[in-house]
Amino acid sequence: MRNLIVVLGDQLDRESTVLEDFDPALDALWMAECVGEATHVWSHQARIAIFLASMRHFRDDMRARDWPLHYRALGEHTQAQLDGVLREDLRKLKPERVVLVRPGEWRVREALRTVAKDEGVEYAEHPDRHFFIEPEDFAEWVGARREIRMEHFYRWMRRRFDVLMDEDQPTGGQWNYDHDNRKSFGKKGPGMLPAPKRFPPDAITREVLDLVAERFGDHPGSLEAFDWPVTPKQATQALKDFIDHRLAAFGQWQDAMWSDEPWLYHARLSTAMNLKLLDPREVVQAAVNALKSGRAELAAVEGFVRQVLGWREFIRGMYWRDMPKLLQGNALKAHAPLPTFYWTGDTDMNCLREALGQTLKHGYAHHIQRLMVTGNFALMLGVEPAQIHAWYLAIYVDAVEWVEAPNVMGMSQFADGGKMVSKPYCSSGRYIQRMSNYCDDCRFKPDKAVGDDACPFTTLYWDFLDRHQTRFAHHPRAALQWKSLERLSEDERKAIRDQAGALRKQLAKAD
């Protein structure tokens, strides 16, 4: 055998660079399902299922080409870890080299490189062309910059790939329309919403769902609502559905939240892109075409393009730049345990119950629910960053470490000390009240920091400002926020500290 081509569960591109020179007489494909990838973090059942279902559809597509494929399904080997299965097969198959697309997780990459080296097999890595640029391009852009900010990177990407540009100027005269994309639904709510296209499980996916229920039934989450796209055809249909029915309203309401409405105007495309079922170039072009054809306005299209061309690429660059130290960050010295209710949704804080409830049901929450509800609470409570990182990696169907870890450790928890964002994303209950209806049916009052009906978000917000005053009081972008502390007397600050301390003890006792 010349090449043993390893295909990982998040590299399911039918036109991958590793397949371009495939010779069935000399090469073979290799894939493996491993318990360790579901238990490395205690993964949501839907997360396990979407990986396995997508892998098995890829497997059958490759077999339809009549290509040699060594597929190690669960139950067909005894190794728990991916590198253990590969080691066994390298000894049996004796290929000249192992070939694969650059893995999306530092841990997996190191393990596979080590196995190849130990077994005396050449290790050859191809670039992942499901991104616009490679980590080396990002490192070159960073260069000697003292501050690495997404906005500067995003403008560079727009120019480099001529996206939403009129010659050398941004279309419309502005680089971003963020100020137009922060609206709430108000008291009337979102009204009638266009339901996203569903993908009922076919025979292959149903087989996977039964397997996951049997083998991983004690894992968090549910499989009852599973309807994710698991093939390139389905992913393309999901893209068209978003462009046709939700993109036009996505921009202005992308930060809004509403009870019992998990999807709103969001795309539901991140998982398909992260598993390489859908090319981000196709996604960006579809959004730009909607602008050109008059189906969506510039603010909506730019806001969406910024997430794909800007933030997604920026996050990946930061991941490979800062690993493995990224996962060890704890700049704010946070050591509290993650509350148990993150795994159950059992809390009397309505905003958290809503966000966690839909997360457990679907394996999904949109970016504001993740950043300003579940992430904000963990940040202000002082949860150890490694614990909340493991939770995010486990609980969301679109979680691959290259995208999850920088978002959590850098943006959400400020564990990197400000490499990614200049100040912590923290807010009181008033922000959640403004952006949702979650507070309407909650026993806590978002304007109160002390008392039996005080909102824990508001209590922890003022406590967070108090605890970190020395660090941020003179920060150029955070000073105004911390200056608000001056409105509180020392007696008020002590009462807030006492209430926050009691809340931490209560949550620790519940654990």
Protein backbone atom coordinates (compact mmCIF):
# COMPACT_ATOMS: atom_id res chain seq x y z
CA MET A 1 0.00 0.00 0.00
CA ARG A 2 1.29 3.43 -0.95
CA ASN A 3 -1.01 5.79 0.99
CA LEU A 4 -3.37 5.10 3.86
CA ILE A 5 -5.62 8.14 3.68
CA VAL A 6 -7.09 8.95 7.08
CA VAL A 7 -10.46 10.71 6.99
CA LEU A 8 -11.53 12.22 10.31
CA GLY A 9 -15.11 12.77 11.39
CA ASP A 10 -14.95 16.50 10.72
CA GLN A 11 -13.28 16.17 7.29
CA LEU A 12 -16.10 14.76 5.20
CA ASP A 13 -15.40 16.69 2.00
CA ARG A 14 -16.12 14.48 -1.02
CA GLU A 15 -13.69 16.63 -3.05
CA SER A 16 -10.94 16.78 -0.45
CA THR A 17 -7.35 17.44 -1.52
CA VAL A 18 -6.35 14.02 -0.14
CA LEU A 19 -8.67 12.35 -2.66
CA GLU A 20 -7.42 14.14 -5.77
CA ASP A 21 -4.63 11.69 -6.61
CA PHE A 22 -6.29 8.61 -5.16
CA ASP A 23 -5.30 5.40 -6.94
CA PRO A 24 -7.48 2.43 -5.95
CA ALA A 25 -4.67 0.07 -6.93
CA LEU A 26 -2.19 1.69 -4.54
CA ASP A 27 -4.15 3.61 -1.89
CA ALA A 28 -6.88 3.01 0.65
CA LEU A 29 -9.14 5.14 2.79
CA TRP A 30 -9.28 4.69 6.57
CA MET A 31 -11.94 5.81 9.05
CA ALA A 32 -12.71 4.84 12.63
CA GLU A 33 -15.49 5.35 15.16
CA CYS A 34 -14.08 5.51 18.68
CA VAL A 35 -15.66 5.63 22.10
CA GLY A 36 -12.90 7.96 23.22
CA GLU A 37 -14.08 10.72 20.89
CA ALA A 38 -17.48 10.65 22.60
CA THR A 39 -16.07 10.49 26.13
CA HIS A 40 -13.00 12.75 25.86
CA VAL A 41 -15.63 15.25 26.93
CA TRP A 42 -19.03 13.91 28.03
CA SER A 43 -20.65 14.58 24.67
CA HIS A 44 -24.29 15.39 24.00
CA GLN A 45 -26.06 12.43 22.37
CA ALA A 46 -26.94 14.55 19.32
CA ARG A 47 -23.27 15.57 18.91
CA ILE A 48 -22.20 11.93 18.86
CA ALA A 49 -25.00 11.08 16.45
CA ILE A 50 -24.30 13.85 13.93
CA PHE A 51 -20.64 12.85 13.66
CA LEU A 52 -21.40 9.14 13.27
CA ALA A 53 -24.30 9.63 10.85
CA SER A 54 -22.26 12.00 8.68
CA MET A 55 -19.28 9.63 8.71
CA ARG A 56 -21.40 6.66 7.65
CA HIS A 57 -22.96 8.59 4.79
CA PHE A 58 -19.45 9.52 3.66
CA ARG A 59 -18.42 5.87 4.00
CA ASP A 60 -21.21 4.75 1.69
CA ASP A 61 -20.42 7.46 -0.86
CA MET A 62 -16.80 6.28 -0.99
CA ARG A 63 -17.85 2.65 -1.32
CA ALA A 64 -20.09 3.67 -4.23
CA ARG A 65 -16.89 4.78 -5.99
CA ASP A 66 -15.57 1.26 -5.45
CA TRP A 67 -12.59 2.60 -3.55
CA PRO A 68 -10.80 0.49 -0.90
CA LEU A 69 -11.99 1.66 2.51
CA HIS A 70 -11.06 0.33 5.95
CA TYR A 71 -13.94 1.52 8.13
CA ARG A 72 -13.70 0.59 11.82
CA ALA A 73 -17.18 0.96 13.30
CA LEU A 74 -17.96 0.89 17.00
CA GLY A 75 -17.96 -2.72 18.17
CA GLU A 76 -15.56 -3.85 15.43
CA HIS A 77 -12.42 -3.05 17.42
CA THR A 78 -11.41 -2.95 21.06
CA GLN A 79 -9.44 0.29 21.14
CA ALA A 80 -11.04 3.29 22.86
CA GLN A 81 -8.84 5.93 21.23
CA LEU A 82 -8.40 6.87 17.58
CA ASP A 83 -4.62 6.57 17.68
CA GLY A 84 -4.90 3.08 19.15
CA VAL A 85 -7.06 1.88 16.26
CA LEU A 86 -4.73 3.47 13.73
CA ARG A 87 -1.69 1.86 15.34
CA GLU A 88 -3.25 -1.61 14.98
CA ASP A 89 -4.06 -1.04 11.32
CA LEU A 90 -0.67 0.45 10.46
CA ARG A 91 0.88 -2.78 11.66
CA LYS A 92 -1.53 -4.86 9.60
CA LEU A 93 -1.65 -2.80 6.41
CA LYS A 94 1.96 -1.54 6.37
CA PRO A 95 1.43 1.57 4.19
CA GLU A 96 4.37 3.69 3.07
CA ARG A 97 2.73 6.83 4.43
CA VAL A 98 -0.27 8.16 6.32
CA VAL A 99 -2.00 11.00 4.46
CA LEU A 100 -4.67 13.27 5.89
CA VAL A 101 -6.03 16.80 5.93
CA ARG A 102 -4.71 18.87 8.82
CA PRO A 103 -6.81 17.87 11.85
CA GLY A 104 -9.00 20.47 13.50
CA GLU A 105 -7.90 19.56 17.00
CA TRP A 106 -4.39 19.88 18.41
CA ARG A 107 -4.84 16.76 20.57
CA VAL A 108 -5.81 14.57 17.62
CA ARG A 109 -3.07 15.96 15.41
CA GLU A 110 -0.36 15.25 17.99
CA ALA A 111 -1.67 11.73 18.64
CA LEU A 112 -1.74 10.75 14.96
CA ARG A 113 1.67 12.22 14.23
CA THR A 114 3.09 10.32 17.18
CA VAL A 115 1.60 7.01 16.02
CA ALA A 116 3.00 7.43 12.52
CA LYS A 117 6.43 8.27 13.89
CA ASP A 118 6.40 5.35 16.34
CA GLU A 119 5.45 2.92 13.57
CA GLY A 120 8.02 4.26 11.15
CA VAL A 121 5.42 5.50 8.66
CA GLU A 122 5.75 8.81 6.84
CA TYR A 123 3.16 11.36 7.91
CA ALA A 124 1.88 13.69 5.15
CA GLU A 125 -0.55 16.50 5.90
CA HIS A 126 -2.65 18.39 3.36
CA PRO A 127 -4.10 21.88 3.89
CA ASP A 128 -7.78 22.13 4.79
CA ARG A 129 -9.29 24.05 1.90
CA HIS A 130 -12.60 24.41 3.70
CA PHE A 131 -11.11 27.61 5.03
CA PHE A 132 -10.21 30.71 3.08
CA ILE A 133 -6.68 30.82 4.51
CA GLU A 134 -4.25 28.58 6.37
CA PRO A 135 -2.93 29.14 9.91
CA GLU A 136 0.39 30.15 8.39
CA ASP A 137 -1.36 32.94 6.45
CA PHE A 138 -2.93 34.14 9.66
CA ALA A 139 0.44 34.11 11.43
CA GLU A 140 1.87 36.17 8.57
CA TRP A 141 -0.97 38.68 8.91
CA VAL A 142 -0.38 38.94 12.67
CA GLY A 143 3.32 39.58 12.13
CA ALA A 144 4.56 42.05 14.74
CA ARG A 145 1.12 43.42 15.64
CA ARG A 146 0.80 44.23 19.32
CA GLU A 147 -3.00 43.98 19.22
CA ILE A 148 -4.71 41.19 17.29
CA ARG A 149 -8.26 42.31 16.61
CA MET A 150 -10.87 40.64 14.46
CA GLU A 151 -12.08 43.89 12.88
CA HIS A 152 -8.66 44.58 11.35
CA PHE A 153 -8.39 40.99 10.17
CA TYR A 154 -11.90 41.07 8.72
CA ARG A 155 -11.11 44.14 6.61
CA TRP A 156 -7.95 42.45 5.36
CA MET A 157 -9.97 39.36 4.37
CA ARG A 158 -12.60 41.45 2.59
CA ARG A 159 -9.89 43.10 0.51
CA ARG A 160 -7.95 39.89 -0.10
CA PHE A 161 -10.96 37.95 -1.39
CA ASP A 162 -12.85 40.91 -2.88
CA VAL A 163 -16.00 40.29 -0.85
CA LEU A 164 -18.49 43.15 -0.52
CA MET A 165 -15.98 45.55 -2.03
CA ASP A 166 -16.33 48.33 -4.59
CA GLU A 167 -12.78 48.51 -5.87
CA ASP A 168 -10.78 49.38 -2.73
CA GLN A 169 -13.75 50.57 -0.63
CA PRO A 170 -16.35 48.54 1.28
CA THR A 171 -19.71 48.23 -0.39
CA GLY A 172 -22.02 50.87 1.03
CA GLY A 173 -19.14 52.91 2.43
CA GLN A 174 -18.97 51.12 5.80
CA TRP A 175 -16.98 48.09 6.88
CA ASN A 176 -19.65 46.78 9.22
CA TYR A 177 -23.24 47.46 10.19
CA ASP A 178 -23.08 46.14 13.72
CA HIS A 179 -25.11 49.05 15.07
CA ASP A 180 -28.02 47.97 12.83
CA ASN A 181 -27.83 44.36 14.00
CA ARG A 182 -28.63 44.60 17.71
CA LYS A 183 -32.40 44.90 17.76
CA SER A 184 -34.75 43.09 20.12
CA PHE A 185 -38.24 41.91 19.26
CA GLY A 186 -39.90 44.18 21.80
CA LYS A 187 -43.00 43.25 23.76
CA LYS A 188 -44.85 41.92 20.69
CA GLY A 189 -42.26 39.23 20.08
CA PRO A 190 -41.04 37.86 16.76
CA GLY A 191 -44.47 36.97 15.39
CA MET A 192 -44.72 34.19 12.82
CA LEU A 193 -41.29 32.74 12.13
CA PRO A 194 -40.20 30.74 9.07
CA ALA A 195 -39.41 27.25 10.32
CA PRO A 196 -36.06 25.97 9.08
CA LYS A 197 -36.00 23.02 6.73
CA ARG A 198 -35.94 19.71 8.60
CA PHE A 199 -34.08 16.58 7.60
CA PRO A 200 -35.88 13.54 8.99
CA PRO A 201 -33.42 10.69 9.66
CA ASP A 202 -33.01 8.16 6.85
CA ALA A 203 -32.16 4.49 7.45
CA ILE A 204 -28.45 5.15 8.06
CA THR A 205 -29.13 7.94 10.52
CA ARG A 206 -31.86 5.96 12.31
CA GLU A 207 -29.37 3.12 12.78
CA VAL A 208 -26.94 5.60 14.34
CA LEU A 209 -29.61 7.07 16.61
CA ASP A 210 -30.44 3.58 17.89
CA LEU A 211 -26.74 2.90 18.45
CA VAL A 212 -26.20 6.14 20.36
CA ALA A 213 -29.29 5.58 22.49
CA GLU A 214 -28.04 2.10 23.38
CA ARG A 215 -24.35 2.86 23.99
CA PHE A 216 -24.44 6.48 25.13
CA GLY A 217 -27.88 6.78 26.69
CA ASP A 218 -26.40 8.10 29.94
CA HIS A 219 -24.88 11.08 28.13
CA PRO A 220 -26.59 14.48 28.30
CA GLY A 221 -29.20 15.65 25.86
CA SER A 222 -31.86 14.06 23.72
CA LEU A 223 -32.15 12.50 20.26
CA GLU A 224 -35.90 13.01 19.86
CA ALA A 225 -35.60 16.24 17.87
CA PHE A 226 -32.63 15.18 15.73
CA ASP A 227 -33.09 16.61 12.22
CA TRP A 228 -29.65 17.93 11.23
CA PRO A 229 -28.25 17.74 7.68
CA VAL A 230 -25.72 14.90 7.44
CA THR A 231 -24.87 14.92 3.71
CA PRO A 232 -23.57 17.58 1.30
CA LYS A 233 -26.91 17.56 -0.55
CA GLN A 234 -28.82 18.23 2.64
CA ALA A 235 -26.34 20.92 3.69
CA THR A 236 -26.81 22.71 0.36
CA GLN A 237 -30.58 22.54 0.83
CA ALA A 238 -30.19 24.01 4.32
CA LEU A 239 -28.15 26.88 2.88
CA LYS A 240 -30.77 27.64 0.25
CA ASP A 241 -33.50 27.53 2.88
CA PHE A 242 -31.65 30.08 5.02
CA ILE A 243 -30.90 32.41 2.12
CA ASP A 244 -34.47 32.26 0.83
CA HIS A 245 -36.35 32.54 4.12
CA ARG A 246 -34.25 33.97 6.97
CA LEU A 247 -31.18 35.88 5.79
CA ALA A 248 -33.12 39.10 5.12
CA ALA A 249 -34.14 39.33 8.78
CA PHE A 250 -31.04 37.71 10.26
CA GLY A 251 -28.98 40.87 10.65
CA GLN A 252 -31.21 43.08 12.74
CA TRP A 253 -32.36 40.29 15.05
CA GLN A 254 -29.25 38.10 15.26
CA ASP A 255 -28.73 39.05 18.93
CA ALA A 256 -32.37 38.68 20.00
CA MET A 257 -33.73 35.82 22.11
CA TRP A 258 -37.26 34.54 22.72
CA SER A 259 -38.77 31.79 24.84
CA ASP A 260 -39.40 28.47 23.08
CA GLU A 261 -37.88 29.79 19.83
CA PRO A 262 -34.47 28.17 19.38
CA TRP A 263 -33.94 29.00 15.70
CA LEU A 264 -35.40 32.48 15.08
CA TYR A 265 -33.62 33.78 11.93
CA HIS A 266 -30.36 31.90 12.41
CA ALA A 267 -28.73 29.80 9.71
CA ARG A 268 -28.13 26.42 11.39
CA LEU A 269 -25.16 25.96 9.02
CA SER A 270 -22.19 25.90 11.41
CA THR A 271 -22.29 22.13 11.90
CA ALA A 272 -22.42 21.44 8.16
CA MET A 273 -19.46 23.75 7.59
CA ASN A 274 -17.48 22.34 10.50
CA LEU A 275 -17.96 18.75 9.28
CA LYS A 276 -16.94 19.92 5.78
CA LEU A 277 -20.30 19.11 4.22
CA LEU A 278 -20.63 22.70 3.05
CA ASP A 279 -17.90 24.99 1.72
CA PRO A 280 -17.78 28.45 3.37
CA ARG A 281 -17.01 30.02 -0.02
CA GLU A 282 -20.35 28.74 -1.25
CA VAL A 283 -22.01 30.13 1.87
CA VAL A 284 -20.48 33.59 1.51
CA GLN A 285 -21.23 33.72 -2.22
CA ALA A 286 -24.86 32.75 -1.65
CA ALA A 287 -25.25 35.63 0.82
CA VAL A 288 -23.58 38.11 -1.57
CA ASN A 289 -25.81 36.91 -4.42
CA ALA A 290 -28.87 37.57 -2.23
CA LEU A 291 -27.71 41.17 -1.85
CA LYS A 292 -27.14 41.57 -5.59
CA SER A 293 -30.57 40.16 -6.40
CA GLY A 294 -32.33 42.36 -3.85
CA ARG A 295 -33.44 39.51 -1.60
CA ALA A 296 -31.55 40.85 1.43
CA GLU A 297 -30.23 44.24 2.48
CA LEU A 298 -26.57 45.06 3.01
CA ALA A 299 -26.73 45.17 6.82
CA ALA A 300 -28.06 41.60 6.99
CA VAL A 301 -25.64 40.24 4.41
CA GLU A 302 -22.61 42.00 5.89
CA GLY A 303 -23.48 40.78 9.39
CA PHE A 304 -23.65 37.20 8.17
CA VAL A 305 -20.53 37.44 5.98
CA ARG A 306 -18.61 38.85 8.95
CA GLN A 307 -19.31 35.68 10.93
CA VAL A 308 -18.11 33.36 8.16
CA LEU A 309 -15.32 35.26 6.40
CA GLY A 310 -14.22 37.19 9.46
CA TRP A 311 -14.87 35.57 12.82
CA ARG A 312 -14.69 31.92 11.74
CA GLU A 313 -11.31 32.39 10.04
CA PHE A 314 -10.00 34.61 12.85
CA ILE A 315 -10.92 32.04 15.50
CA ARG A 316 -9.13 29.25 13.67
CA GLY A 317 -6.02 31.37 13.29
CA MET A 318 -6.00 32.18 17.00
CA TYR A 319 -6.46 28.52 17.91
CA TRP A 320 -3.39 27.30 16.04
CA ARG A 321 -1.40 30.34 17.13
CA ASP A 322 -2.02 29.81 20.86
CA MET A 323 -2.31 26.03 21.30
CA PRO A 324 -1.70 24.20 23.56
CA LYS A 325 -1.34 27.05 26.06
CA LEU A 326 -4.78 28.33 25.13
CA LEU A 327 -6.48 25.60 27.18
CA GLN A 328 -4.40 26.39 30.25
CA GLY A 329 -5.39 30.06 30.43
CA ASN A 330 -6.99 31.48 33.58
CA ALA A 331 -6.13 35.18 33.57
CA LEU A 332 -8.91 36.08 36.04
CA LYS A 333 -7.94 33.34 38.52
CA ALA A 334 -11.36 31.67 38.39
CA HIS A 335 -11.69 28.38 40.27
CA ALA A 336 -15.40 27.84 41.01
CA PRO A 337 -16.99 24.55 39.85
CA LEU A 338 -19.38 24.54 36.92
CA PRO A 339 -22.92 24.35 38.37
CA THR A 340 -24.59 20.98 37.88
CA PHE A 341 -27.62 22.62 36.27
CA TYR A 342 -25.55 23.24 33.13
CA TRP A 343 -25.96 19.51 32.46
CA THR A 344 -29.63 19.28 33.49
CA GLY A 345 -31.26 22.68 32.88
CA ASP A 346 -32.74 22.47 36.38
CA THR A 347 -32.57 26.09 37.58
CA ASP A 348 -35.07 28.75 38.59
CA MET A 349 -33.25 31.39 36.52
CA ASN A 350 -35.53 31.49 33.49
CA CYS A 351 -32.94 32.75 30.97
CA LEU A 352 -30.58 29.90 31.84
CA ARG A 353 -33.42 27.39 31.90
CA GLU A 354 -34.46 28.48 28.40
CA ALA A 355 -30.93 28.45 26.93
CA LEU A 356 -29.95 25.20 28.61
CA GLY A 357 -33.27 23.53 27.87
CA GLN A 358 -32.99 24.07 24.12
CA THR A 359 -29.30 23.12 24.27
CA LEU A 360 -30.12 19.79 25.86
CA LYS A 361 -32.98 19.20 23.42
CA HIS A 362 -31.22 20.19 20.19
CA GLY A 363 -27.50 20.49 20.95
CA TYR A 364 -27.86 24.08 19.76
CA ALA A 365 -28.02 27.65 21.03
CA HIS A 366 -27.21 30.76 19.05
CA HIS A 367 -24.19 32.96 19.72
CA ILE A 368 -25.81 35.41 22.14
CA GLN A 369 -27.33 32.63 24.22
CA ARG A 370 -23.86 31.10 24.44
CA LEU A 371 -21.95 34.34 25.05
CA MET A 372 -24.33 36.46 27.13
CA VAL A 373 -26.35 33.83 29.01
CA THR A 374 -24.44 30.60 29.65
CA GLY A 375 -20.99 32.14 29.12
CA ASN A 376 -21.69 35.40 30.95
CA PHE A 377 -23.01 33.60 34.02
CA ALA A 378 -19.99 31.29 34.18
CA LEU A 379 -17.60 34.23 33.76
CA MET A 380 -19.15 36.30 36.54
CA LEU A 381 -19.60 33.32 38.85
CA GLY A 382 -15.89 32.64 38.43
CA VAL A 383 -16.08 29.14 36.95
CA GLU A 384 -12.72 27.57 36.16
CA PRO A 385 -12.26 28.13 32.40
CA ALA A 386 -11.19 24.53 31.71
CA GLN A 387 -14.52 23.29 33.09
CA ILE A 388 -16.74 25.56 31.03
CA HIS A 389 -14.56 24.85 27.97
CA ALA A 390 -15.15 21.11 28.39
CA TRP A 391 -18.90 21.73 28.72
CA TYR A 392 -19.13 23.76 25.52
CA LEU A 393 -17.06 21.21 23.62
CA ALA A 394 -19.32 18.42 24.84
CA ILE A 395 -22.74 19.95 24.55
CA TYR A 396 -23.04 21.54 21.09
CA VAL A 397 -23.38 19.66 17.81
CA ASP A 398 -21.15 22.15 15.99
CA ALA A 399 -18.34 21.95 18.57
CA VAL A 400 -14.91 21.16 17.14
CA GLU A 401 -12.06 22.35 19.33
CA TRP A 402 -10.52 24.79 16.82
CA VAL A 403 -13.72 26.86 16.92
CA GLU A 404 -14.99 26.16 20.43
CA ALA A 405 -11.85 26.70 22.50
CA PRO A 406 -10.91 30.23 21.32
CA ASN A 407 -14.53 31.35 21.54
CA VAL A 408 -14.82 30.11 25.12
CA MET A 409 -11.35 30.69 26.52
CA GLY A 410 -10.75 33.96 24.69
CA MET A 411 -14.03 35.71 24.01
CA SER A 412 -16.42 34.29 26.60
CA GLN A 413 -14.22 33.74 29.66
CA PHE A 414 -11.33 36.19 29.05
CA ALA A 415 -9.04 33.37 30.16
CA ASP A 416 -6.36 34.43 27.66
CA GLY A 417 -6.02 37.82 29.35
CA GLY A 418 -7.25 39.84 26.39
CA LYS A 419 -5.48 38.39 23.36
CA MET A 420 -8.74 38.03 21.45
CA VAL A 421 -11.00 40.70 22.95
CA SER A 422 -10.00 43.85 24.77
CA LYS A 423 -12.38 43.51 27.73
CA PRO A 424 -14.64 40.88 29.29
CA TYR A 425 -18.13 40.31 27.93
CA CYS A 426 -20.09 40.78 31.15
CA SER A 427 -23.51 42.29 31.72
CA SER A 428 -26.28 42.42 34.28
CA GLY A 429 -29.76 40.99 33.96
CA ARG A 430 -30.85 44.21 32.28
CA TYR A 431 -29.14 43.16 29.03
CA ILE A 432 -31.07 39.90 28.97
CA GLN A 433 -34.27 41.79 29.76
CA ARG A 434 -33.63 44.15 26.83
CA MET A 435 -32.81 41.40 24.33
CA SER A 436 -35.44 38.80 25.25
CA ASN A 437 -38.66 38.02 27.07
CA TYR A 438 -36.88 35.65 29.45
CA CYS A 439 -37.31 37.98 32.43
CA ASP A 440 -41.11 38.21 32.04
CA ASP A 441 -41.74 34.83 33.65
CA CYS A 442 -38.81 34.83 36.06
CA ARG A 443 -39.09 35.33 39.80
CA PHE A 444 -35.90 37.40 39.83
CA LYS A 445 -35.85 41.14 39.12
CA PRO A 446 -33.13 42.23 36.68
CA ASP A 447 -32.84 45.69 38.27
CA LYS A 448 -32.10 44.30 41.74
CA ALA A 449 -28.70 43.13 42.98
CA VAL A 450 -29.59 42.44 46.62
CA GLY A 451 -32.55 40.68 48.23
CA ASP A 452 -34.54 37.47 47.82
CA ASP A 453 -35.75 38.46 44.36
CA ALA A 454 -32.44 39.93 43.16
CA CYS A 455 -31.34 38.69 39.73
CA PRO A 456 -28.23 36.51 40.12
CA PHE A 457 -26.87 37.99 36.89
CA THR A 458 -27.13 41.50 38.33
CA THR A 459 -25.65 40.47 41.67
CA LEU A 460 -22.73 38.73 40.00
CA TYR A 461 -22.25 41.59 37.54
CA TRP A 462 -21.62 44.15 40.27
CA ASP A 463 -19.57 41.63 42.21
CA PHE A 464 -17.47 40.97 39.09
CA LEU A 465 -16.81 44.68 38.64
CA ASP A 466 -15.90 44.97 42.30
CA ARG A 467 -13.55 41.98 42.29
CA HIS A 468 -11.72 43.07 39.14
CA GLN A 469 -11.72 46.84 39.66
CA THR A 470 -7.96 47.11 39.96
CA ARG A 471 -7.41 45.33 36.65
CA PHE A 472 -9.98 47.15 34.52
CA ALA A 473 -10.78 50.50 36.15
CA HIS A 474 -8.27 52.34 33.96
CA HIS A 475 -8.61 50.18 30.87
CA PRO A 476 -9.33 52.48 27.90
CA ARG A 477 -12.32 50.41 26.70
CA ALA A 478 -13.58 49.22 30.09
CA ALA A 479 -13.10 52.29 32.29
CA LEU A 480 -16.62 53.64 31.71
CA GLN A 481 -18.19 50.34 32.71
CA TRP A 482 -16.10 50.14 35.88
CA LYS A 483 -16.69 53.82 36.66
CA SER A 484 -20.32 52.92 37.33
CA LEU A 485 -19.10 51.28 40.54
CA GLU A 486 -18.55 54.75 41.95
CA ARG A 487 -22.32 55.15 42.21
CA LEU A 488 -22.42 52.48 44.89
CA SER A 489 -21.61 53.15 48.52
CA GLU A 490 -19.28 50.83 50.42
CA ASP A 491 -22.29 49.43 52.31
CA GLU A 492 -24.00 48.62 48.99
CA ARG A 493 -20.87 46.98 47.65
CA LYS A 494 -20.51 44.89 50.81
CA ALA A 495 -24.14 43.75 50.53
CA ILE A 496 -23.51 42.69 46.92
CA ARG A 497 -20.34 40.83 47.88
CA ASP A 498 -22.24 39.02 50.63
CA GLN A 499 -25.10 38.07 48.30
CA ALA A 500 -22.68 36.85 45.62
CA GLY A 501 -20.80 34.80 48.20
CA ALA A 502 -24.04 33.22 49.40
CA LEU A 503 -25.01 32.39 45.80
CA ARG A 504 -21.67 30.66 45.22
CA LYS A 505 -22.08 28.63 48.40
CA GLN A 506 -25.61 27.68 47.41
CA LEU A 507 -24.53 26.48 43.97
CA ALA A 508 -21.51 24.61 45.36
CA LYS A 509 -23.75 22.90 47.94
CA ALA A 510 -26.17 21.88 45.18
CA ASP A 511 -23.29 20.14 43.43
